[in-house]
Amino acid sequence: AKKARDQVYISTLRTDGA
């Protein structure tokens, strides 16, 4: 659950950052 949450968090940051 933690890994999945982290993945989504990074994905959102990447999409928002880039």
PDB file of N, CA and C in Angstrom:
ATOM      1  N   ALA A   1       0.855  -1.197   0.000  1.00  0.00           N
ATOM      2  CA  ALA A   1       0.000   0.000   0.000  1.00  0.00           C
ATOM      3  C   ALA A   1       0.887   1.242   0.000  1.00  0.00           C
ATOM      4  N   LYS A   2       1.960   1.138   0.757  1.00  0.00           N
ATOM      5  CA  LYS A   2       2.874   2.296   0.832  1.00  0.00           C
ATOM      6  C   LYS A   2       3.567   2.508  -0.508  1.00  0.00           C
ATOM      7  N   LYS A   3       3.949   1.411  -1.119  1.00  0.00           N
ATOM      8  CA  LYS A   3       4.657   1.518  -2.397  1.00  0.00           C
ATOM      9  C   LYS A   3       3.723   2.108  -3.455  1.00  0.00           C
ATOM     10  N   ALA A   4       2.505   1.644  -3.459  1.00  0.00           N
ATOM     11  CA  ALA A   4       1.539   2.125  -4.452  1.00  0.00           C
ATOM     12  C   ALA A   4       1.291   3.617  -4.249  1.00  0.00           C
ATOM     13  N   ARG A   5       1.136   4.021  -2.992  1.00  0.00           N
ATOM     14  CA  ARG A   5       0.882   5.435  -2.684  1.00  0.00           C
ATOM     15  C   ARG A   5       2.071   6.283  -3.140  1.00  0.00           C
ATOM     16  N   ASP A   6       3.280   5.772  -2.871  1.00  0.00           N
ATOM     17  CA  ASP A   6       4.490   6.496  -3.254  1.00  0.00           C
ATOM     18  C   ASP A   6       4.564   6.632  -4.772  1.00  0.00           C
ATOM     19  N   GLN A   7       4.190   5.571  -5.455  1.00  0.00           N
ATOM     20  CA  GLN A   7       4.237   5.577  -6.923  1.00  0.00           C
ATOM     21  C   GLN A   7       3.300   6.657  -7.468  1.00  0.00           C
ATOM     22  N   VAL A   8       2.113   6.712  -6.907  1.00  0.00           N
ATOM     23  CA  VAL A   8       1.129   7.691  -7.368  1.00  0.00           C
ATOM     24  C   VAL A   8       1.614   9.098  -7.051  1.00  0.00           C
ATOM     25  N   TYR A   9       2.225   9.244  -5.878  1.00  0.00           N
ATOM     26  CA  TYR A   9       2.718  10.557  -5.463  1.00  0.00           C
ATOM     27  C   TYR A   9       3.786  11.057  -6.434  1.00  0.00           C
ATOM     28  N   ILE A  10       4.709  10.177  -6.768  1.00  0.00           N
ATOM     29  CA  ILE A  10       5.790  10.531  -7.695  1.00  0.00           C
ATOM     30  C   ILE A  10       5.216  10.812  -9.081  1.00  0.00           C
ATOM     31  N   SER A  11       4.254  10.004  -9.472  1.00  0.00           N
ATOM     32  CA  SER A  11       3.648  10.160 -10.800  1.00  0.00           C
ATOM     33  C   SER A  11       2.966  11.525 -10.900  1.00  0.00           C
ATOM     34  N   THR A  12       2.283  11.909  -9.833  1.00  0.00           N
ATOM     35  CA  THR A  12       1.585  13.196  -9.821  1.00  0.00           C
ATOM     36  C   THR A  12       2.585  14.336  -9.848  1.00  0.00           C
ATOM     37  N   LEU A  13       3.650  14.187  -9.096  1.00  0.00           N
ATOM     38  CA  LEU A  13       4.666  15.238  -9.042  1.00  0.00           C
ATOM     39  C   LEU A  13       5.318  15.405 -10.404  1.00  0.00           C
ATOM     40  N   ARG A  14       5.602  14.300 -11.046  1.00  0.00           N
ATOM     41  CA  ARG A  14       6.245  14.337 -12.366  1.00  0.00           C
ATOM     42  C   ARG A  14       5.317  14.996 -13.383  1.00  0.00           C
ATOM     43  N   THR A  15       4.048  14.676 -13.298  1.00  0.00           N
ATOM     44  CA  THR A  15       3.080  15.234 -14.240  1.00  0.00           C
ATOM     45  C   THR A  15       2.902  16.727 -13.973  1.00  0.00           C
ATOM     46  N   ASP A  16       2.917  17.095 -12.704  1.00  0.00           N
ATOM     47  CA  ASP A  16       2.722  18.485 -12.330  1.00  0.00           C
ATOM     48  C   ASP A  16       4.006  19.289 -12.576  1.00  0.00           C
ATOM     49  N   GLY A  17       5.138  18.618 -12.362  1.00  0.00           N
ATOM     50  CA  GLY A  17       6.423  19.298 -12.533  1.00  0.00           C
ATOM     51  C   GLY A  17       6.774  19.419 -14.006  1.00  0.00           C
ATOM     52  N   ALA A  18       6.491  18.341 -14.732  1.00  0.00           N
ATOM     53  CA  ALA A  18       6.843  18.341 -16.154  1.00  0.00           C
ATOM     54  C   ALA A  18       5.535  18.403 -16.942  1.00  0.00           C
TER      55      ALA A  18
END
